[in-house]
C-alpha atoms as a PDB file:
ATOM      1  CA  MET A   1     -65.852  10.621 -88.529  1.00  0.00           C
ATOM      2  CA  TYR A   2     -66.321   6.767 -88.576  1.00  0.00           C
ATOM      3  CA  ARG A   3     -63.964   6.500 -85.657  1.00  0.00           C
ATOM      4  CA  ILE A   4     -66.620   7.390 -83.128  1.00  0.00           C
ATOM      5  CA  LEU A   5     -68.639   4.570 -84.191  1.00  0.00           C
ATOM      6  CA  PRO A   6     -67.360   2.021 -81.428  1.00  0.00           C
ATOM      7  CA  LEU A   7     -68.641   4.897 -78.831  1.00  0.00           C
ATOM      8  CA  LEU A   8     -72.270   4.249 -79.846  1.00  0.00           C
ATOM      9  CA  GLY A   9     -72.203   0.900 -77.826  1.00  0.00           C
ATOM     10  CA  ASP A  10     -71.272   2.852 -74.723  1.00  0.00           C
ATOM     11  CA  ALA A  11     -73.544   5.730 -75.453  1.00  0.00           C
ATOM     12  CA  GLY A  12     -76.409   3.427 -75.722  1.00  0.00           C
ATOM     13  CA  LEU A  13     -75.652   1.368 -72.614  1.00  0.00           C
ATOM     14  CA  GLY A  14     -75.172   4.626 -70.786  1.00  0.00           C
ATOM     15  CA  ILE A  15     -78.382   6.038 -71.770  1.00  0.00           C
ATOM     16  CA  LEU A  16     -80.107   2.716 -70.963  1.00  0.00           C
ATOM     17  CA  SER A  17     -78.498   2.689 -67.573  1.00  0.00           C
ATOM     18  CA  ILE A  18     -79.604   6.346 -66.582  1.00  0.00           C
ATOM     19  CA  VAL A  19     -83.200   5.397 -67.704  1.00  0.00           C
ATOM     20  CA  PHE A  20     -83.122   1.982 -65.756  1.00  0.00           C
ATOM     21  CA  VAL A  21     -81.887   3.589 -62.782  1.00  0.00           C
ATOM     22  CA  SER A  22     -84.184   6.576 -62.973  1.00  0.00           C
ATOM     23  CA  HIS A  23     -87.247   4.028 -63.350  1.00  0.00           C
ATOM     24  CA  TRP A  24     -85.819   1.912 -60.433  1.00  0.00           C
ATOM     25  CA  TYR A  25     -85.667   4.897 -58.140  1.00  0.00           C
ATOM     26  CA  SER A  26     -88.848   6.228 -59.569  1.00  0.00           C
ATOM     27  CA  VAL A  27     -86.897   9.521 -60.293  1.00  0.00           C
ATOM     28  CA  SER A  28     -87.519  11.691 -63.299  1.00  0.00           C
ATOM     29  CA  ASN A  29     -84.298  13.698 -62.923  1.00  0.00           C
ATOM     30  CA  MET A  30     -82.654  15.074 -66.327  1.00  0.00           C
ATOM     31  CA  TYR A  31     -79.611  16.097 -64.350  1.00  0.00           C
ATOM     32  CA  ALA A  32     -78.685  12.423 -64.087  1.00  0.00           C
ATOM     33  CA  PHE A  33     -77.816  12.533 -67.828  1.00  0.00           C
ATOM     34  CA  LEU A  34     -75.006  15.001 -67.046  1.00  0.00           C
ATOM     35  CA  LEU A  35     -73.380  11.782 -65.641  1.00  0.00           C
ATOM     36  CA  LEU A  36     -73.511  10.011 -68.990  1.00  0.00           C
ATOM     37  CA  PRO A  37     -69.656  10.891 -69.663  1.00  0.00           C
ATOM     38  CA  LEU A  38     -68.915   8.343 -66.926  1.00  0.00           C
ATOM     39  CA  ALA A  39     -70.018   5.835 -69.782  1.00  0.00           C
ATOM     40  CA  PHE A  40     -66.722   6.644 -71.386  1.00  0.00           C
ATOM     41  CA  ALA A  41     -64.605   7.520 -68.414  1.00  0.00           C
ATOM     42  CA  PRO A  42     -62.399   4.302 -68.364  1.00  0.00           C
ATOM     43  CA  ASP A  43     -61.489   4.951 -72.037  1.00  0.00           C
ATOM     44  CA  LEU A  44     -60.042   8.290 -71.391  1.00  0.00           C
ATOM     45  CA  ASP A  45     -56.458   6.805 -71.817  1.00  0.00           C
ATOM     46  CA  ALA A  46     -57.412   5.889 -75.501  1.00  0.00           C
ATOM     47  CA  ILE A  47     -57.010   9.832 -76.156  1.00  0.00           C
ATOM     48  CA  VAL A  48     -53.368   9.505 -75.701  1.00  0.00           C
ATOM     49  CA  GLU A  49     -53.099   6.685 -78.221  1.00  0.00           C
ATOM     50  CA  LEU A  50     -55.424   8.464 -80.398  1.00  0.00           C
ATOM     51  CA  ARG A  51     -53.367  11.855 -80.210  1.00  0.00           C
ATOM     52  CA  ARG A  52     -49.992  10.077 -80.685  1.00  0.00           C
ATOM     53  CA  ARG A  53     -50.864   7.484 -83.542  1.00  0.00           C
ATOM     54  CA  GLY A  54     -54.024   8.950 -84.859  1.00  0.00           C
ATOM     55  CA  LYS A  55     -55.974   5.475 -84.104  1.00  0.00           C
ATOM     56  CA  VAL A  56     -56.677   3.108 -81.320  1.00  0.00           C
ATOM     57  CA  ALA A  57     -55.821  -0.426 -82.143  1.00  0.00           C
ATOM     58  CA  ALA A  58     -54.035  -3.181 -80.739  1.00  0.00           C
ATOM     59  CA  SER A  59     -52.154  -4.981 -83.535  1.00  0.00           C
ATOM     60  CA  ALA A  60     -48.634  -6.409 -84.564  1.00  0.00           C
ATOM     61  CA  GLU A  61     -47.738  -2.669 -85.442  1.00  0.00           C
ATOM     62  CA  ASN A  62     -48.966  -1.577 -81.805  1.00  0.00           C
ATOM     63  CA  PRO A  63     -48.844  -4.656 -79.666  1.00  0.00           C
ATOM     64  CA  SER A  64     -50.285  -2.826 -76.512  1.00  0.00           C
ATOM     65  CA  ASP A  65     -53.792  -2.210 -75.607  1.00  0.00           C
ATOM     66  CA  HIS A  66     -55.019   1.023 -74.128  1.00  0.00           C
ATOM     67  CA  ARG A  67     -56.910  -0.776 -71.526  1.00  0.00           C
ATOM     68  CA  GLU A  68     -53.828  -0.861 -68.882  1.00  0.00           C
ATOM     69  CA  LEU A  69     -54.142   2.581 -67.148  1.00  0.00           C
ATOM     70  CA  LEU A  70     -57.908   3.132 -66.337  1.00  0.00           C
ATOM     71  CA  HIS A  71     -59.347  -0.337 -66.805  1.00  0.00           C
ATOM     72  CA  LYS A  72     -59.463  -1.281 -63.155  1.00  0.00           C
ATOM     73  CA  PRO A  73     -63.137  -2.355 -62.481  1.00  0.00           C
ATOM     74  CA  ILE A  74     -62.716  -3.079 -58.730  1.00  0.00           C
ATOM     75  CA  LEU A  75     -61.562   0.393 -58.166  1.00  0.00           C
ATOM     76  CA  TRP A  76     -64.355   2.142 -60.250  1.00  0.00           C
ATOM     77  CA  MET A  77     -66.914  -0.224 -58.618  1.00  0.00           C
ATOM     78  CA  LEU A  78     -65.589   0.717 -55.071  1.00  0.00           C
ATOM     79  CA  VAL A  79     -65.564   4.367 -55.752  1.00  0.00           C
ATOM     80  CA  THR A  80     -68.762   4.456 -57.315  1.00  0.00           C
ATOM     81  CA  GLY A  81     -70.529   1.993 -54.845  1.00  0.00           C
ATOM     82  CA  ALA A  82     -69.328   4.242 -51.955  1.00  0.00           C
ATOM     83  CA  TRP A  83     -70.889   7.338 -53.768  1.00  0.00           C
ATOM     84  CA  TRP A  84     -74.117   4.933 -54.313  1.00  0.00           C
ATOM     85  CA  TYR A  85     -74.105   4.125 -50.519  1.00  0.00           C
ATOM     86  CA  PHE A  86     -73.686   7.731 -49.348  1.00  0.00           C
ATOM     87  CA  GLY A  87     -75.172   9.646 -52.508  1.00  0.00           C
ATOM     88  CA  GLY A  88     -78.343   7.348 -53.437  1.00  0.00           C
ATOM     89  CA  PHE A  89     -79.857   7.877 -56.762  1.00  0.00           C
ATOM     90  CA  TYR A  90     -76.764   9.597 -58.532  1.00  0.00           C
ATOM     91  CA  GLY A  91     -74.369   7.181 -57.021  1.00  0.00           C
ATOM     92  CA  ALA A  92     -76.482   4.291 -58.560  1.00  0.00           C
ATOM     93  CA  VAL A  93     -76.303   5.942 -61.785  1.00  0.00           C
ATOM     94  CA  ALA A  94     -72.517   6.077 -61.808  1.00  0.00           C
ATOM     95  CA  PHE A  95     -72.189   2.659 -60.304  1.00  0.00           C
ATOM     96  CA  VAL A  96     -74.421   1.365 -63.311  1.00  0.00           C
ATOM     97  CA  LEU A  97     -72.563   3.408 -65.824  1.00  0.00           C
ATOM     98  CA  VAL A  98     -69.072   2.230 -65.122  1.00  0.00           C
ATOM     99  CA  THR A  99     -70.097  -1.325 -64.655  1.00  0.00           C
ATOM    100  CA  MET A 100     -71.767  -1.489 -68.013  1.00  0.00           C
ATOM    101  CA  HIS A 101     -68.694  -0.047 -69.615  1.00  0.00           C
ATOM    102  CA  PHE A 102     -66.722  -2.843 -68.277  1.00  0.00           C
ATOM    103  CA  VAL A 103     -69.324  -5.492 -69.341  1.00  0.00           C
ATOM    104  CA  HIS A 104     -69.374  -4.087 -72.865  1.00  0.00           C
ATOM    105  CA  ASP A 105     -65.789  -4.074 -73.132  1.00  0.00           C
ATOM    106  CA  SER A 106     -65.830  -7.877 -72.102  1.00  0.00           C
ATOM    107  CA  VAL A 107     -68.134  -8.945 -74.992  1.00  0.00           C
ATOM    108  CA  LEU A 108     -67.590  -8.607 -78.872  1.00  0.00           C
ATOM    109  CA  THR A 109     -64.901  -6.010 -79.050  1.00  0.00           C
ATOM    110  CA  GLY A 110     -61.346  -5.296 -78.076  1.00  0.00           C
ATOM    111  CA  TRP A 111     -59.076  -7.570 -75.788  1.00  0.00           C
ATOM    112  CA  GLY A 112     -61.194  -8.078 -72.816  1.00  0.00           C
ATOM    113  CA  VAL A 113     -60.893  -6.447 -69.186  1.00  0.00           C
ATOM    114  CA  PRO A 114     -58.636  -7.206 -66.386  1.00  0.00           C
ATOM    115  CA  TRP A 115     -61.637  -7.492 -63.954  1.00  0.00           C
ATOM    116  CA  LEU A 116     -59.271  -8.358 -60.818  1.00  0.00           C
ATOM    117  CA  ALA A 117     -57.026  -5.270 -61.580  1.00  0.00           C
ATOM    118  CA  PRO A 118     -54.860  -4.156 -59.755  1.00  0.00           C
ATOM    119  CA  PHE A 119     -54.530  -7.517 -58.238  1.00  0.00           C
ATOM    120  CA  SER A 120     -54.217  -9.378 -61.414  1.00  0.00           C
ATOM    121  CA  LYS A 121     -53.708  -8.330 -65.175  1.00  0.00           C
ATOM    122  CA  VAL A 122     -55.151 -11.409 -66.644  1.00  0.00           C
ATOM    123  CA  ARG A 123     -57.988 -10.225 -69.157  1.00  0.00           C
ATOM    124  CA  MET A 124     -61.219 -11.668 -69.255  1.00  0.00           C
ATOM    125  CA  LYS A 125     -63.600 -11.674 -72.237  1.00  0.00           C
ATOM    126  CA  PHE A 126     -66.811 -13.382 -72.925  1.00  0.00           C
ATOM    127  CA  PHE A 127     -67.660 -15.471 -76.081  1.00  0.00           C
ATOM    128  CA  ALA A 128     -64.415 -14.909 -77.703  1.00  0.00           C
ATOM    129  CA  SER A 129     -62.123 -17.487 -79.429  1.00  0.00           C
ATOM    130  CA  GLU A 130     -58.384 -17.533 -78.973  1.00  0.00           C
ATOM    131  CA  ALA A 131     -57.959 -15.474 -82.204  1.00  0.00           C
ATOM    132  CA  ASN A 132     -60.499 -12.895 -80.315  1.00  0.00           C
ATOM    133  CA  GLN A 133     -63.412 -13.615 -82.815  1.00  0.00           C
ATOM    134  CA  GLU A 134     -67.034 -13.871 -81.458  1.00  0.00           C
ATOM    135  CA  SER A 135     -67.962 -17.529 -80.577  1.00  0.00           C
ATOM    136  CA  LEU A 136     -70.593 -19.193 -78.879  1.00  0.00           C
ATOM    137  CA  ALA A 137     -68.751 -22.516 -78.501  1.00  0.00           C
ATOM    138  CA  ARG A 138     -68.818 -23.529 -74.839  1.00  0.00           C
ATOM    139  CA  LYS A 139     -65.041 -23.570 -74.711  1.00  0.00           C
ATOM    140  CA  ASP A 140     -65.035 -19.801 -75.594  1.00  0.00           C
ATOM    141  CA  TRP A 141     -67.731 -18.481 -73.212  1.00  0.00           C
ATOM    142  CA  ILE A 142     -64.873 -17.170 -70.858  1.00  0.00           C
ATOM    143  CA  ARG A 143     -61.577 -16.380 -72.516  1.00  0.00           C
ATOM    144  CA  THR A 144     -58.462 -15.254 -70.325  1.00  0.00           C
ATOM    145  CA  TRP A 145     -55.271 -13.998 -71.546  1.00  0.00           C
ATOM    146  CA  LYS A 146     -52.304 -13.486 -69.308  1.00  0.00           C
ATOM    147  CA  PRO A 147     -49.964 -10.450 -70.125  1.00  0.00           C
ATOM    148  CA  LYS A 148     -47.684 -12.530 -72.190  1.00  0.00           C
ATOM    149  CA  ASP A 149     -50.312 -14.543 -73.963  1.00  0.00           C
ATOM    150  CA  LEU A 150     -52.240 -11.297 -74.772  1.00  0.00           C
ATOM    151  CA  HIS A 151     -49.100  -9.885 -76.155  1.00  0.00           C
ATOM    152  CA  LYS A 152     -48.694 -12.763 -78.585  1.00  0.00           C
ATOM    153  CA  ALA A 153     -52.586 -13.085 -79.486  1.00  0.00           C
ATOM    154  CA  ILE A 154     -52.456  -9.319 -80.348  1.00  0.00           C
ATOM    155  CA  VAL A 155     -49.399  -9.529 -82.553  1.00  0.00           C
ATOM    156  CA  ALA A 156     -50.964 -12.593 -84.069  1.00  0.00           C
ATOM    157  CA  HIS A 157     -54.468 -11.568 -84.399  1.00  0.00           C
ATOM    158  CA  GLY A 158     -54.788  -7.813 -83.779  1.00  0.00           C
ATOM    159  CA  ASN A 159     -56.363  -5.468 -86.352  1.00  0.00           C
ATOM    160  CA  GLU A 160     -55.284  -1.917 -87.046  1.00  0.00           C
ATOM    161  CA  ASN A 161     -58.505  -1.472 -89.173  1.00  0.00           C
ATOM    162  CA  TRP A 162     -60.959  -3.098 -86.541  1.00  0.00           C
ATOM    163  CA  ILE A 163     -63.479  -0.159 -86.737  1.00  0.00           C
ATOM    164  CA  ARG A 164     -63.801  -0.170 -90.347  1.00  0.00           C
ATOM    165  CA  ASP A 165     -64.068  -4.075 -90.390  1.00  0.00           C
ATOM    166  CA  LEU A 166     -66.536  -4.343 -87.522  1.00  0.00           C
ATOM    167  CA  TYR A 167     -68.662  -1.153 -87.934  1.00  0.00           C
ATOM    168  CA  LEU A 168     -68.798  -0.226 -91.588  1.00  0.00           C
ATOM    169  CA  ARG A 169     -70.550  -3.474 -92.607  1.00  0.00           C
ATOM    170  CA  PRO A 170     -73.226  -5.898 -91.308  1.00  0.00           C
ATOM    171  CA  THR A 171     -71.257  -7.694 -88.496  1.00  0.00           C
ATOM    172  CA  THR A 172     -72.559  -9.196 -85.150  1.00  0.00           C
ATOM    173  CA  VAL A 173     -70.762  -6.208 -83.420  1.00  0.00           C
ATOM    174  CA  SER A 174     -72.173  -3.708 -85.671  1.00  0.00           C
ATOM    175  CA  ILE A 175     -75.682  -5.123 -85.489  1.00  0.00           C
ATOM    176  CA  VAL A 176     -75.775  -5.440 -81.587  1.00  0.00           C
ATOM    177  CA  GLU A 177     -74.344  -2.110 -81.210  1.00  0.00           C
ATOM    178  CA  TYR A 178     -76.373  -0.060 -83.434  1.00  0.00           C
ATOM    179  CA  GLY A 179     -79.302  -2.025 -82.121  1.00  0.00           C
ATOM    180  CA  VAL A 180     -78.564  -1.211 -78.660  1.00  0.00           C
ATOM    181  CA  PHE A 181     -77.996   2.542 -79.382  1.00  0.00           C
ATOM    182  CA  ALA A 182     -81.397   2.428 -81.260  1.00  0.00           C
ATOM    183  CA  LEU A 183     -83.033   0.924 -78.280  1.00  0.00           C
ATOM    184  CA  SER A 184     -81.579   3.591 -76.091  1.00  0.00           C
ATOM    185  CA  LEU A 185     -82.978   6.377 -78.009  1.00  0.00           C
ATOM    186  CA  ILE A 186     -86.496   4.648 -77.908  1.00  0.00           C
ATOM    187  CA  ALA A 187     -86.024   4.443 -73.982  1.00  0.00           C
ATOM    188  CA  LEU A 188     -84.765   7.884 -73.845  1.00  0.00           C
ATOM    189  CA  LEU A 189     -88.064   8.957 -75.734  1.00  0.00           C
ATOM    190  CA  TRP A 190     -90.164   6.767 -73.491  1.00  0.00           C
ATOM    191  CA  HIS A 191     -88.430   8.376 -70.371  1.00  0.00           C
ATOM    192  CA  LEU A 192     -88.992  11.847 -71.652  1.00  0.00           C
ATOM    193  CA  LEU A 193     -92.536  11.182 -72.448  1.00  0.00           C
ATOM    194  CA  ALA A 194     -93.371   9.390 -69.384  1.00  0.00           C
END
């Protein structure tokens, strides 16, 4: 059951995104919440790894990261950007949902995002040390890994038990993500009552 804890960050950012866009467009349309699964869509390839291995983790035992197939922000943003242009409100919701997913995946957890994919496989992550630990040191504000460097880093520093280690005790990750989720529930309640 604890394996769903990393989804709370995406869920919280998704709810906040829908509330934000609804407020921005001055629209109170509950159907927009039917788009919430888009907040998780780039992670659908993780289901394959979860079924195959019983967990999603990049480590020495499994030196690949699931963010290869669907983590292509440019493509997602082009498609949802076109939807926004031609479809207005719902397209705006879709655009913000997928964009926030990639921003979320670029901070705190995981091995970053190939922001320029499919043109480049270089991963970018913000506020991360070479060992993929959160860091506010200026040199760690933007961390990049080329594919061969990423493989070496995963083998050296990957953690098969990252969910347990990051979410089942007070850590920067758990505090921020649980806080975002709690804030999203408050924003949702405000949205429903407004």
